């Protein structure tokens, strides 16, 4: 059983100095965005961050700020899809809500990869 899965990553979509939306890039590459504008709404992009920026990016003034990583501007290359060095891989939880490796309460940060 493969217990290593890519983790979801949080981001903010920023236009100049205004945060327009908060979002998450899911482990399968899909993106969900919650808009923080007067007409609030939630949207999902199955084609990922590139599709979101192609539709809502306004030139070089719209940036995607990852919560724990580098800023990705519209003109920058897409992020490397391999696991970044800041990623922490956790074992899956057992059915009883404990770590499947050591038996401590999940999430267990002492059982690295």
PDB file of N, CA and C in Angstrom:
ATOM      1  N   UNK A   1       0.835  -1.176   0.000  1.00  0.00           N
ATOM      2  CA  UNK A   1       0.000   0.000   0.000  1.00  0.00           C
ATOM      3  C   UNK A   1       0.883   1.244   0.000  1.00  0.00           C
ATOM      4  N   UNK A   2       0.618   2.167  -0.890  1.00  0.00           N
ATOM      5  CA  UNK A   2       1.366   3.403  -0.958  1.00  0.00           C
ATOM      6  C   UNK A   2       0.765   4.399   0.023  1.00  0.00           C
ATOM      7  N   UNK A   3       1.503   4.738   1.070  1.00  0.00           N
ATOM      8  CA  UNK A   3       0.993   5.671   2.066  1.00  0.00           C
ATOM      9  C   UNK A   3       1.418   7.105   1.790  1.00  0.00           C
ATOM     10  N   UNK A   4       2.227   7.321   0.751  1.00  0.00           N
ATOM     11  CA  UNK A   4       2.676   8.662   0.418  1.00  0.00           C
ATOM     12  C   UNK A   4       1.767   9.263  -0.638  1.00  0.00           C
ATOM     13  N   UNK A   5       1.162  10.393  -0.305  1.00  0.00           N
ATOM     14  CA  UNK A   5       0.303  11.096  -1.231  1.00  0.00           C
ATOM     15  C   UNK A   5       0.731  12.554  -1.286  1.00  0.00           C
ATOM     16  N   UNK A   6       0.537  13.159  -2.421  1.00  0.00           N
ATOM     17  CA  UNK A   6       0.839  14.577  -2.547  1.00  0.00           C
ATOM     18  C   UNK A   6      -0.172  15.346  -1.702  1.00  0.00           C
ATOM     19  N   UNK A   7       0.281  16.369  -0.981  1.00  0.00           N
ATOM     20  CA  UNK A   7      -0.598  17.130  -0.116  1.00  0.00           C
ATOM     21  C   UNK A   7      -1.221  18.303  -0.845  1.00  0.00           C
ATOM     22  N   UNK A   8      -2.383  18.730  -0.379  1.00  0.00           N
ATOM     23  CA  UNK A   8      -3.018  19.930  -0.896  1.00  0.00           C
ATOM     24  C   UNK A   8      -2.192  21.142  -0.472  1.00  0.00           C
ATOM     25  N   UNK A   9      -2.220  22.194  -1.297  1.00  0.00           N
ATOM     26  CA  UNK A   9      -1.464  23.416  -0.993  1.00  0.00           C
ATOM     27  C   UNK A   9      -2.403  24.614  -1.031  1.00  0.00           C
ATOM     28  N   UNK A  10      -2.268  25.511  -0.064  1.00  0.00           N
ATOM     29  CA  UNK A  10      -3.099  26.702   0.024  1.00  0.00           C
ATOM     30  C   UNK A  10      -2.443  27.871  -0.695  1.00  0.00           C
ATOM     31  N   UNK A  11      -3.287  28.781  -1.215  1.00  0.00           N
ATOM     32  CA  UNK A  11      -2.765  29.968  -1.880  1.00  0.00           C
ATOM     33  C   UNK A  11      -3.743  31.124  -1.774  1.00  0.00           C
ATOM     34  N   UNK A  12      -3.264  32.324  -2.106  1.00  0.00           N
ATOM     35  CA  UNK A  12      -4.090  33.523  -2.248  1.00  0.00           C
ATOM     36  C   UNK A  12      -3.883  34.043  -3.664  1.00  0.00           C
ATOM     37  N   UNK A  13      -4.962  34.487  -4.302  1.00  0.00           N
ATOM     38  CA  UNK A  13      -4.887  35.120  -5.611  1.00  0.00           C
ATOM     39  C   UNK A  13      -4.932  36.623  -5.364  1.00  0.00           C
ATOM     40  N   UNK A  14      -3.851  37.321  -5.743  1.00  0.00           N
ATOM     41  CA  UNK A  14      -3.697  38.732  -5.413  1.00  0.00           C
ATOM     42  C   UNK A  14      -3.589  39.551  -6.691  1.00  0.00           C
ATOM     43  N   UNK A  15      -4.374  40.636  -6.760  1.00  0.00           N
ATOM     44  CA  UNK A  15      -4.292  41.596  -7.868  1.00  0.00           C
ATOM     45  C   UNK A  15      -3.703  42.882  -7.304  1.00  0.00           C
ATOM     46  N   UNK A  16      -2.499  43.193  -7.718  1.00  0.00           N
ATOM     47  CA  UNK A  16      -1.708  44.307  -7.181  1.00  0.00           C
ATOM     48  C   UNK A  16      -1.578  44.138  -5.664  1.00  0.00           C
ATOM     49  N   UNK A  17      -2.348  44.850  -4.852  1.00  0.00           N
ATOM     50  CA  UNK A  17      -2.240  44.710  -3.392  1.00  0.00           C
ATOM     51  C   UNK A  17      -3.510  44.150  -2.762  1.00  0.00           C
ATOM     52  N   UNK A  18      -4.484  43.771  -3.567  1.00  0.00           N
ATOM     53  CA  UNK A  18      -5.771  43.297  -3.059  1.00  0.00           C
ATOM     54  C   UNK A  18      -5.886  41.786  -3.207  1.00  0.00           C
ATOM     55  N   UNK A  19      -6.219  41.104  -2.122  1.00  0.00           N
ATOM     56  CA  UNK A  19      -6.449  39.658  -2.189  1.00  0.00           C
ATOM     57  C   UNK A  19      -7.854  39.424  -2.731  1.00  0.00           C
ATOM     58  N   UNK A  20      -7.940  38.800  -3.893  1.00  0.00           N
ATOM     59  CA  UNK A  20      -9.218  38.539  -4.537  1.00  0.00           C
ATOM     60  C   UNK A  20      -9.852  37.236  -4.081  1.00  0.00           C
ATOM     61  N   UNK A  21      -9.006  36.240  -3.783  1.00  0.00           N
ATOM     62  CA  UNK A  21      -9.537  34.909  -3.486  1.00  0.00           C
ATOM     63  C   UNK A  21      -8.549  34.117  -2.656  1.00  0.00           C
ATOM     64  N   UNK A  22      -9.088  33.114  -1.977  1.00  0.00           N
ATOM     65  CA  UNK A  22      -8.290  32.116  -1.280  1.00  0.00           C
ATOM     66  C   UNK A  22      -8.550  30.808  -1.986  1.00  0.00           C
ATOM     67  N   UNK A  23      -7.555  29.945  -2.013  1.00  0.00           N
ATOM     68  CA  UNK A  23      -7.773  28.698  -2.724  1.00  0.00           C
ATOM     69  C   UNK A  23      -6.904  27.573  -2.233  1.00  0.00           C
ATOM     70  N   UNK A  24      -7.177  26.431  -2.826  1.00  0.00           N
ATOM     71  CA  UNK A  24      -6.404  25.237  -2.518  1.00  0.00           C
ATOM     72  C   UNK A  24      -6.159  24.481  -3.818  1.00  0.00           C
ATOM     73  N   UNK A  25      -4.929  24.016  -3.983  1.00  0.00           N
ATOM     74  CA  UNK A  25      -4.613  23.105  -5.088  1.00  0.00           C
ATOM     75  C   UNK A  25      -4.623  21.712  -4.477  1.00  0.00           C
ATOM     76  N   UNK A  26      -5.547  20.879  -4.922  1.00  0.00           N
ATOM     77  CA  UNK A  26      -5.728  19.540  -4.360  1.00  0.00           C
ATOM     78  C   UNK A  26      -4.642  18.588  -4.838  1.00  0.00           C
ATOM     79  N   UNK A  27      -4.547  17.452  -4.204  1.00  0.00           N
ATOM     80  CA  UNK A  27      -3.498  16.486  -4.515  1.00  0.00           C
ATOM     81  C   UNK A  27      -3.555  15.994  -5.960  1.00  0.00           C
ATOM     82  N   UNK A  28      -4.735  16.066  -6.601  1.00  0.00           N
ATOM     83  CA  UNK A  28      -4.845  15.624  -7.997  1.00  0.00           C
ATOM     84  C   UNK A  28      -4.624  16.760  -8.998  1.00  0.00           C
ATOM     85  N   UNK A  29      -4.285  17.965  -8.508  1.00  0.00           N
ATOM     86  CA  UNK A  29      -4.017  19.093  -9.392  1.00  0.00           C
ATOM     87  C   UNK A  29      -5.195  20.014  -9.610  1.00  0.00           C
ATOM     88  N   UNK A  30      -6.406  19.607  -9.226  1.00  0.00           N
ATOM     89  CA  UNK A  30      -7.577  20.474  -9.340  1.00  0.00           C
ATOM     90  C   UNK A  30      -7.438  21.627  -8.346  1.00  0.00           C
ATOM     91  N   UNK A  31      -8.134  22.735  -8.630  1.00  0.00           N
ATOM     92  CA  UNK A  31      -8.057  23.922  -7.794  1.00  0.00           C
ATOM     93  C   UNK A  31      -9.463  24.346  -7.394  1.00  0.00           C
ATOM     94  N   UNK A  32      -9.648  24.681  -6.116  1.00  0.00           N
ATOM     95  CA  UNK A  32     -10.896  25.252  -5.632  1.00  0.00           C
ATOM     96  C   UNK A  32     -10.588  26.652  -5.131  1.00  0.00           C
ATOM     97  N   UNK A  33     -11.417  27.622  -5.528  1.00  0.00           N
ATOM     98  CA  UNK A  33     -11.202  29.022  -5.194  1.00  0.00           C
ATOM     99  C   UNK A  33     -12.445  29.572  -4.503  1.00  0.00           C
ATOM    100  N   UNK A  34     -12.241  30.282  -3.393  1.00  0.00           N
ATOM    101  CA  UNK A  34     -13.310  30.992  -2.694  1.00  0.00           C
ATOM    102  C   UNK A  34     -13.034  32.469  -2.866  1.00  0.00           C
ATOM    103  N   UNK A  35     -13.916  33.147  -3.608  1.00  0.00           N
ATOM    104  CA  UNK A  35     -13.715  34.557  -3.952  1.00  0.00           C
ATOM    105  C   UNK A  35     -14.047  35.449  -2.768  1.00  0.00           C
ATOM    106  N   UNK A  36     -13.213  36.452  -2.520  1.00  0.00           N
ATOM    107  CA  UNK A  36     -13.386  37.390  -1.413  1.00  0.00           C
ATOM    108  C   UNK A  36     -13.819  38.758  -1.919  1.00  0.00           C
ATOM    109  N   UNK A  37     -14.619  38.793  -2.932  1.00  0.00           N
ATOM    110  CA  UNK A  37     -15.122  40.027  -3.525  1.00  0.00           C
ATOM    111  C   UNK A  37     -16.569  40.213  -3.080  1.00  0.00           C
ATOM    112  N   UNK A  38     -17.194  41.381  -3.358  1.00  0.00           N
ATOM    113  CA  UNK A  38     -18.571  41.606  -2.887  1.00  0.00           C
ATOM    114  C   UNK A  38     -19.562  40.499  -3.285  1.00  0.00           C
ATOM    115  N   UNK A  39     -19.467  39.970  -4.465  1.00  0.00           N
ATOM    116  CA  UNK A  39     -20.320  38.845  -4.895  1.00  0.00           C
ATOM    117  C   UNK A  39     -19.560  37.553  -4.658  1.00  0.00           C
ATOM    118  N   UNK A  40     -19.555  37.073  -3.423  1.00  0.00           N
ATOM    119  CA  UNK A  40     -18.764  35.894  -3.055  1.00  0.00           C
ATOM    120  C   UNK A  40     -19.274  34.638  -3.765  1.00  0.00           C
ATOM    121  N   UNK A  41     -18.357  33.741  -4.012  1.00  0.00           N
ATOM    122  CA  UNK A  41     -18.699  32.475  -4.650  1.00  0.00           C
ATOM    123  C   UNK A  41     -17.524  31.523  -4.563  1.00  0.00           C
ATOM    124  N   UNK A  42     -17.773  30.291  -4.942  1.00  0.00           N
ATOM    125  CA  UNK A  42     -16.741  29.265  -4.940  1.00  0.00           C
ATOM    126  C   UNK A  42     -16.706  28.631  -6.317  1.00  0.00           C
ATOM    127  N   UNK A  43     -15.507  28.419  -6.840  1.00  0.00           N
ATOM    128  CA  UNK A  43     -15.384  27.782  -8.149  1.00  0.00           C
ATOM    129  C   UNK A  43     -14.303  26.719  -8.107  1.00  0.00           C
ATOM    130  N   UNK A  44     -14.423  25.754  -9.002  1.00  0.00           N
ATOM    131  CA  UNK A  44     -13.462  24.660  -9.087  1.00  0.00           C
ATOM    132  C   UNK A  44     -12.909  24.604 -10.497  1.00  0.00           C
ATOM    133  N   UNK A  45     -11.602  24.400 -10.576  1.00  0.00           N
ATOM    134  CA  UNK A  45     -10.910  24.307 -11.855  1.00  0.00           C
ATOM    135  C   UNK A  45     -10.237  22.948 -11.921  1.00  0.00           C
ATOM    136  N   UNK A  46     -10.794  22.041 -12.713  1.00  0.00           N
ATOM    137  CA  UNK A  46     -10.212  20.708 -12.842  1.00  0.00           C
ATOM    138  C   UNK A  46      -8.879  20.722 -13.580  1.00  0.00           C
ATOM    139  N   UNK A  47      -8.647  21.770 -14.394  1.00  0.00           N
ATOM    140  CA  UNK A  47      -7.406  21.872 -15.158  1.00  0.00           C
ATOM    141  C   UNK A  47      -6.295  22.568 -14.395  1.00  0.00           C
ATOM    142  N   UNK A  48      -6.528  22.919 -13.139  1.00  0.00           N
ATOM    143  CA  UNK A  48      -5.473  23.415 -12.274  1.00  0.00           C
ATOM    144  C   UNK A  48      -5.229  24.911 -12.312  1.00  0.00           C
ATOM    145  N   UNK A  49      -4.093  25.291 -11.735  1.00  0.00           N
ATOM    146  CA  UNK A  49      -3.710  26.685 -11.557  1.00  0.00           C
ATOM    147  C   UNK A  49      -3.585  27.403 -12.890  1.00  0.00           C
ATOM    148  N   UNK A  50      -3.041  26.747 -13.892  1.00  0.00           N
ATOM    149  CA  UNK A  50      -2.870  27.394 -15.195  1.00  0.00           C
ATOM    150  C   UNK A  50      -4.213  27.848 -15.771  1.00  0.00           C
ATOM    151  N   UNK A  51      -5.234  27.011 -15.660  1.00  0.00           N
ATOM    152  CA  UNK A  51      -6.561  27.376 -16.168  1.00  0.00           C
ATOM    153  C   UNK A  51      -7.142  28.553 -15.387  1.00  0.00           C
ATOM    154  N   UNK A  52      -6.944  28.551 -14.082  1.00  0.00           N
ATOM    155  CA  UNK A  52      -7.406  29.666 -13.242  1.00  0.00           C
ATOM    156  C   UNK A  52      -6.748  30.970 -13.675  1.00  0.00           C
ATOM    157  N   UNK A  53      -5.420  30.957 -13.829  1.00  0.00           N
ATOM    158  CA  UNK A  53      -4.707  32.175 -14.213  1.00  0.00           C
ATOM    159  C   UNK A  53      -5.003  32.591 -15.647  1.00  0.00           C
ATOM    160  N   UNK A  54      -5.235  31.634 -16.545  1.00  0.00           N
ATOM    161  CA  UNK A  54      -5.600  31.979 -17.923  1.00  0.00           C
ATOM    162  C   UNK A  54      -6.925  32.732 -17.963  1.00  0.00           C
ATOM    163  N   UNK A  55      -7.843  32.380 -17.066  1.00  0.00           N
ATOM    164  CA  UNK A  55      -9.163  33.003 -17.045  1.00  0.00           C
ATOM    165  C   UNK A  55      -9.190  34.289 -16.232  1.00  0.00           C
ATOM    166  N   UNK A  56      -8.588  34.289 -15.063  1.00  0.00           N
ATOM    167  CA  UNK A  56      -8.708  35.424 -14.155  1.00  0.00           C
ATOM    168  C   UNK A  56      -7.442  36.247 -13.998  1.00  0.00           C
ATOM    169  N   UNK A  57      -6.356  35.821 -14.603  1.00  0.00           N
ATOM    170  CA  UNK A  57      -5.130  36.602 -14.528  1.00  0.00           C
ATOM    171  C   UNK A  57      -5.257  37.839 -15.386  1.00  0.00           C
ATOM    172  N   UNK A  58      -4.843  38.979 -14.881  1.00  0.00           N
ATOM    173  CA  UNK A  58      -4.911  40.225 -15.642  1.00  0.00           C
ATOM    174  C   UNK A  58      -3.496  40.722 -15.886  1.00  0.00           C
ATOM    175  N   UNK A  59      -2.877  40.148 -16.872  1.00  0.00           N
ATOM    176  CA  UNK A  59      -1.516  40.536 -17.200  1.00  0.00           C
ATOM    177  C   UNK A  59      -0.546  40.157 -16.096  1.00  0.00           C
ATOM    178  N   UNK A  60       0.421  41.039 -15.854  1.00  0.00           N
ATOM    179  CA  UNK A  60       1.439  40.764 -14.843  1.00  0.00           C
ATOM    180  C   UNK A  60       1.031  41.252 -13.454  1.00  0.00           C
ATOM    181  N   UNK A  61      -0.172  41.812 -13.315  1.00  0.00           N
ATOM    182  CA  UNK A  61      -0.563  42.378 -12.025  1.00  0.00           C
ATOM    183  C   UNK A  61      -1.311  41.373 -11.140  1.00  0.00           C
ATOM    184  N   UNK A  62      -1.574  40.179 -11.622  1.00  0.00           N
ATOM    185  CA  UNK A  62      -2.216  39.148 -10.811  1.00  0.00           C
ATOM    186  C   UNK A  62      -1.187  38.089 -10.455  1.00  0.00           C
ATOM    187  N   UNK A  63      -1.085  37.793  -9.165  1.00  0.00           N
ATOM    188  CA  UNK A  63      -0.111  36.810  -8.696  1.00  0.00           C
ATOM    189  C   UNK A  63      -0.791  35.771  -7.829  1.00  0.00           C
ATOM    190  N   UNK A  64      -0.209  34.600  -7.837  1.00  0.00           N
ATOM    191  CA  UNK A  64      -0.673  33.519  -6.984  1.00  0.00           C
ATOM    192  C   UNK A  64       0.379  33.348  -5.890  1.00  0.00           C
ATOM    193  N   UNK A  65      -0.014  33.577  -4.639  1.00  0.00           N
ATOM    194  CA  UNK A  65       0.913  33.495  -3.506  1.00  0.00           C
ATOM    195  C   UNK A  65       0.660  32.189  -2.767  1.00  0.00           C
ATOM    196  N   UNK A  66       1.619  31.263  -2.813  1.00  0.00           N
ATOM    197  CA  UNK A  66       1.498  30.010  -2.074  1.00  0.00           C
ATOM    198  C   UNK A  66       1.693  30.297  -0.598  1.00  0.00           C
ATOM    199  N   UNK A  67       0.949  29.645   0.252  1.00  0.00           N
ATOM    200  CA  UNK A  67       1.026  29.907   1.690  1.00  0.00           C
ATOM    201  C   UNK A  67       2.370  29.524   2.289  1.00  0.00           C
ATOM    202  N   UNK A  68       3.014  28.477   1.789  1.00  0.00           N
ATOM    203  CA  UNK A  68       4.284  28.050   2.366  1.00  0.00           C
ATOM    204  C   UNK A  68       5.373  27.940   1.320  1.00  0.00           C
ATOM    205  N   UNK A  69       5.260  28.684   0.246  1.00  0.00           N
ATOM    206  CA  UNK A  69       6.255  28.555  -0.796  1.00  0.00           C
ATOM    207  C   UNK A  69       6.452  29.846  -1.544  1.00  0.00           C
ATOM    208  N   UNK A  70       7.115  29.782  -2.674  1.00  0.00           N
ATOM    209  CA  UNK A  70       7.413  30.983  -3.445  1.00  0.00           C
ATOM    210  C   UNK A  70       6.181  31.550  -4.131  1.00  0.00           C
ATOM    211  N   UNK A  71       6.251  32.808  -4.497  1.00  0.00           N
ATOM    212  CA  UNK A  71       5.179  33.465  -5.232  1.00  0.00           C
ATOM    213  C   UNK A  71       5.252  33.061  -6.705  1.00  0.00           C
ATOM    214  N   UNK A  72       4.108  32.771  -7.293  1.00  0.00           N
ATOM    215  CA  UNK A  72       4.043  32.435  -8.709  1.00  0.00           C
ATOM    216  C   UNK A  72       3.294  33.546  -9.417  1.00  0.00           C
ATOM    217  N   UNK A  73       3.984  34.328 -10.189  1.00  0.00           N
ATOM    218  CA  UNK A  73       3.308  35.381 -10.936  1.00  0.00           C
ATOM    219  C   UNK A  73       2.874  34.826 -12.284  1.00  0.00           C
ATOM    220  N   UNK A  74       2.032  35.544 -12.945  1.00  0.00           N
ATOM    221  CA  UNK A  74       1.480  35.113 -14.227  1.00  0.00           C
ATOM    222  C   UNK A  74       2.590  34.860 -15.240  1.00  0.00           C
ATOM    223  N   UNK A  75       3.662  35.613 -15.168  1.00  0.00           N
ATOM    224  CA  UNK A  75       4.743  35.473 -16.153  1.00  0.00           C
ATOM    225  C   UNK A  75       5.760  34.409 -15.757  1.00  0.00           C
ATOM    226  N   UNK A  76       5.653  33.879 -14.533  1.00  0.00           N
ATOM    227  CA  UNK A  76       6.604  32.870 -14.077  1.00  0.00           C
ATOM    228  C   UNK A  76       6.180  31.487 -14.556  1.00  0.00           C
ATOM    229  N   UNK A  77       7.120  30.593 -14.550  1.00  0.00           N
ATOM    230  CA  UNK A  77       6.824  29.213 -14.928  1.00  0.00           C
ATOM    231  C   UNK A  77       5.971  28.557 -13.844  1.00  0.00           C
ATOM    232  N   UNK A  78       5.230  27.543 -14.228  1.00  0.00           N
ATOM    233  CA  UNK A  78       4.418  26.796 -13.265  1.00  0.00           C
ATOM    234  C   UNK A  78       5.331  26.147 -12.229  1.00  0.00           C
ATOM    235  N   UNK A  79       4.807  25.934 -11.014  1.00  0.00           N
ATOM    236  CA  UNK A  79       5.662  25.329  -9.986  1.00  0.00           C
ATOM    237  C   UNK A  79       6.050  23.909 -10.357  1.00  0.00           C
ATOM    238  N   UNK A  80       7.198  23.511  -9.879  1.00  0.00           N
ATOM    239  CA  UNK A  80       7.667  22.151 -10.092  1.00  0.00           C
ATOM    240  C   UNK A  80       6.684  21.185  -9.440  1.00  0.00           C
ATOM    241  N   UNK A  81       6.210  20.196 -10.160  1.00  0.00           N
ATOM    242  CA  UNK A  81       5.197  19.273  -9.639  1.00  0.00           C
ATOM    243  C   UNK A  81       5.783  18.174  -8.764  1.00  0.00           C
ATOM    244  N   UNK A  82       7.099  18.154  -8.624  1.00  0.00           N
ATOM    245  CA  UNK A  82       7.699  17.196  -7.707  1.00  0.00           C
ATOM    246  C   UNK A  82       7.545  17.727  -6.291  1.00  0.00           C
ATOM    247  N   UNK A  83       7.726  16.888  -5.312  1.00  0.00           N
ATOM    248  CA  UNK A  83       7.539  17.289  -3.919  1.00  0.00           C
ATOM    249  C   UNK A  83       8.554  18.353  -3.531  1.00  0.00           C
ATOM    250  N   UNK A  84       8.094  19.526  -3.054  1.00  0.00           N
ATOM    251  CA  UNK A  84       9.040  20.542  -2.613  1.00  0.00           C
ATOM    252  C   UNK A  84       9.738  20.105  -1.330  1.00  0.00           C
ATOM    253  N   UNK A  85      10.850  20.743  -1.028  1.00  0.00           N
ATOM    254  CA  UNK A  85      11.619  20.347   0.147  1.00  0.00           C
ATOM    255  C   UNK A  85      10.885  20.642   1.447  1.00  0.00           C
ATOM    256  N   UNK A  86       9.857  21.502   1.419  1.00  0.00           N
ATOM    257  CA  UNK A  86       9.117  21.823   2.635  1.00  0.00           C
ATOM    258  C   UNK A  86       7.965  20.856   2.892  1.00  0.00           C
ATOM    259  N   UNK A  87       7.731  19.915   2.002  1.00  0.00           N
ATOM    260  CA  UNK A  87       6.636  18.968   2.163  1.00  0.00           C
ATOM    261  C   UNK A  87       6.961  17.956   3.250  1.00  0.00           C
ATOM    262  N   UNK A  88       5.983  17.686   4.086  1.00  0.00           N
ATOM    263  CA  UNK A  88       6.121  16.654   5.107  1.00  0.00           C
ATOM    264  C   UNK A  88       5.158  15.532   4.735  1.00  0.00           C
ATOM    265  N   UNK A  89       5.672  14.357   4.489  1.00  0.00           N
ATOM    266  CA  UNK A  89       4.849  13.206   4.129  1.00  0.00           C
ATOM    267  C   UNK A  89       4.467  12.470   5.403  1.00  0.00           C
ATOM    268  N   UNK A  90       3.206  12.220   5.573  1.00  0.00           N
ATOM    269  CA  UNK A  90       2.715  11.541   6.760  1.00  0.00           C
ATOM    270  C   UNK A  90       2.165  10.177   6.392  1.00  0.00           C
ATOM    271  N   UNK A  91       2.308   9.195   7.277  1.00  0.00           N
ATOM    272  CA  UNK A  91       1.663   7.914   7.030  1.00  0.00           C
ATOM    273  C   UNK A  91       0.150   8.088   7.127  1.00  0.00           C
ATOM    274  N   UNK A  92      -0.588   7.244   6.442  1.00  0.00           N
ATOM    275  CA  UNK A  92      -2.045   7.342   6.505  1.00  0.00           C
ATOM    276  C   UNK A  92      -2.527   6.981   7.901  1.00  0.00           C
ATOM    277  N   UNK A  93      -3.677   7.534   8.305  1.00  0.00           N
ATOM    278  CA  UNK A  93      -4.207   7.155   9.612  1.00  0.00           C
ATOM    279  C   UNK A  93      -4.828   5.768   9.552  1.00  0.00           C
ATOM    280  N   UNK A  94      -4.746   5.056  10.663  1.00  0.00           N
ATOM    281  CA  UNK A  94      -5.416   3.759  10.785  1.00  0.00           C
ATOM    282  C   UNK A  94      -6.911   4.022  11.016  1.00  0.00           C
ATOM    283  N   UNK A  95      -7.769   3.026  10.851  1.00  0.00           N
ATOM    284  CA  UNK A  95      -9.205   3.225  11.058  1.00  0.00           C
ATOM    285  C   UNK A  95      -9.552   3.781  12.442  1.00  0.00           C
ATOM    286  N   UNK A  96      -8.702   3.545  13.446  1.00  0.00           N
ATOM    287  CA  UNK A  96      -8.992   4.047  14.789  1.00  0.00           C
ATOM    288  C   UNK A  96      -8.498   5.472  15.012  1.00  0.00           C
ATOM    289  N   UNK A  97      -8.000   6.156  13.955  1.00  0.00           N
ATOM    290  CA  UNK A  97      -7.551   7.532  14.065  1.00  0.00           C
ATOM    291  C   UNK A  97      -6.147   7.685  14.594  1.00  0.00           C
ATOM    292  N   UNK A  98      -5.375   6.618  14.582  1.00  0.00           N
ATOM    293  CA  UNK A  98      -3.998   6.655  15.052  1.00  0.00           C
ATOM    294  C   UNK A  98      -3.056   6.448  13.873  1.00  0.00           C
ATOM    295  N   UNK A  99      -1.795   6.778  14.081  1.00  0.00           N
ATOM    296  CA  UNK A  99      -0.774   6.609  13.056  1.00  0.00           C
ATOM    297  C   UNK A  99      -0.647   5.128  12.716  1.00  0.00           C
ATOM    298  N   UNK A 100      -0.627   4.812  11.426  1.00  0.00           N
ATOM    299  CA  UNK A 100      -0.532   3.409  11.017  1.00  0.00           C
ATOM    300  C   UNK A 100       0.860   2.827  11.243  1.00  0.00           C
ATOM    301  N   UNK A 101       1.872   3.663  11.522  1.00  0.00           N
ATOM    302  CA  UNK A 101       3.223   3.170  11.770  1.00  0.00           C
ATOM    303  C   UNK A 101       3.539   2.992  13.251  1.00  0.00           C
ATOM    304  N   UNK A 102       3.231   4.024  14.069  1.00  0.00           N
ATOM    305  CA  UNK A 102       3.666   3.962  15.469  1.00  0.00           C
ATOM    306  C   UNK A 102       2.525   3.863  16.471  1.00  0.00           C
ATOM    307  N   UNK A 103       1.282   4.093  16.035  1.00  0.00           N
ATOM    308  CA  UNK A 103       0.141   3.979  16.937  1.00  0.00           C
ATOM    309  C   UNK A 103      -0.189   5.237  17.715  1.00  0.00           C
ATOM    310  N   UNK A 104       0.601   6.348  17.543  1.00  0.00           N
ATOM    311  CA  UNK A 104       0.279   7.607  18.206  1.00  0.00           C
ATOM    312  C   UNK A 104      -0.918   8.252  17.516  1.00  0.00           C
ATOM    313  N   UNK A 105      -1.518   9.255  18.169  1.00  0.00           N
ATOM    314  CA  UNK A 105      -2.642   9.972  17.553  1.00  0.00           C
ATOM    315  C   UNK A 105      -2.191  10.591  16.226  1.00  0.00           C
ATOM    316  N   UNK A 106      -3.059  10.503  15.222  1.00  0.00           N
ATOM    317  CA  UNK A 106      -2.753  11.040  13.901  1.00  0.00           C
ATOM    318  C   UNK A 106      -3.235  12.478  13.847  1.00  0.00           C
ATOM    319  N   UNK A 107      -2.584  13.427  13.229  1.00  0.00           N
ATOM    320  CA  UNK A 107      -1.370  13.250  12.455  1.00  0.00           C
ATOM    321  C   UNK A 107      -0.133  13.131  13.340  1.00  0.00           C
ATOM    322  N   UNK A 108       0.682  12.188  13.030  1.00  0.00           N
ATOM    323  CA  UNK A 108       1.893  11.921  13.798  1.00  0.00           C
ATOM    324  C   UNK A 108       3.070  12.504  13.019  1.00  0.00           C
ATOM    325  N   UNK A 109       3.728  13.486  13.595  1.00  0.00           N
ATOM    326  CA  UNK A 109       4.847  14.141  12.911  1.00  0.00           C
ATOM    327  C   UNK A 109       6.189  13.512  13.247  1.00  0.00           C
ATOM    328  N   UNK A 110       6.193  12.460  14.052  1.00  0.00           N
ATOM    329  CA  UNK A 110       7.461  11.838  14.413  1.00  0.00           C
ATOM    330  C   UNK A 110       7.825  10.661  13.507  1.00  0.00           C
ATOM    331  N   UNK A 111       6.917  10.241  12.649  1.00  0.00           N
ATOM    332  CA  UNK A 111       7.168   9.097  11.758  1.00  0.00           C
ATOM    333  C   UNK A 111       7.434   9.579  10.334  1.00  0.00           C
ATOM    334  N   UNK A 112       8.454  10.280  10.073  1.00  0.00           N
ATOM    335  CA  UNK A 112       8.747  10.769   8.729  1.00  0.00           C
ATOM    336  C   UNK A 112       8.643   9.718   7.659  1.00  0.00           C
ATOM    337  N   UNK A 113       9.031  10.063   6.459  1.00  0.00           N
ATOM    338  CA  UNK A 113       8.895   9.112   5.343  1.00  0.00           C
ATOM    339  C   UNK A 113       9.737   7.868   5.481  1.00  0.00           C
TER     340      UNK A 113
END
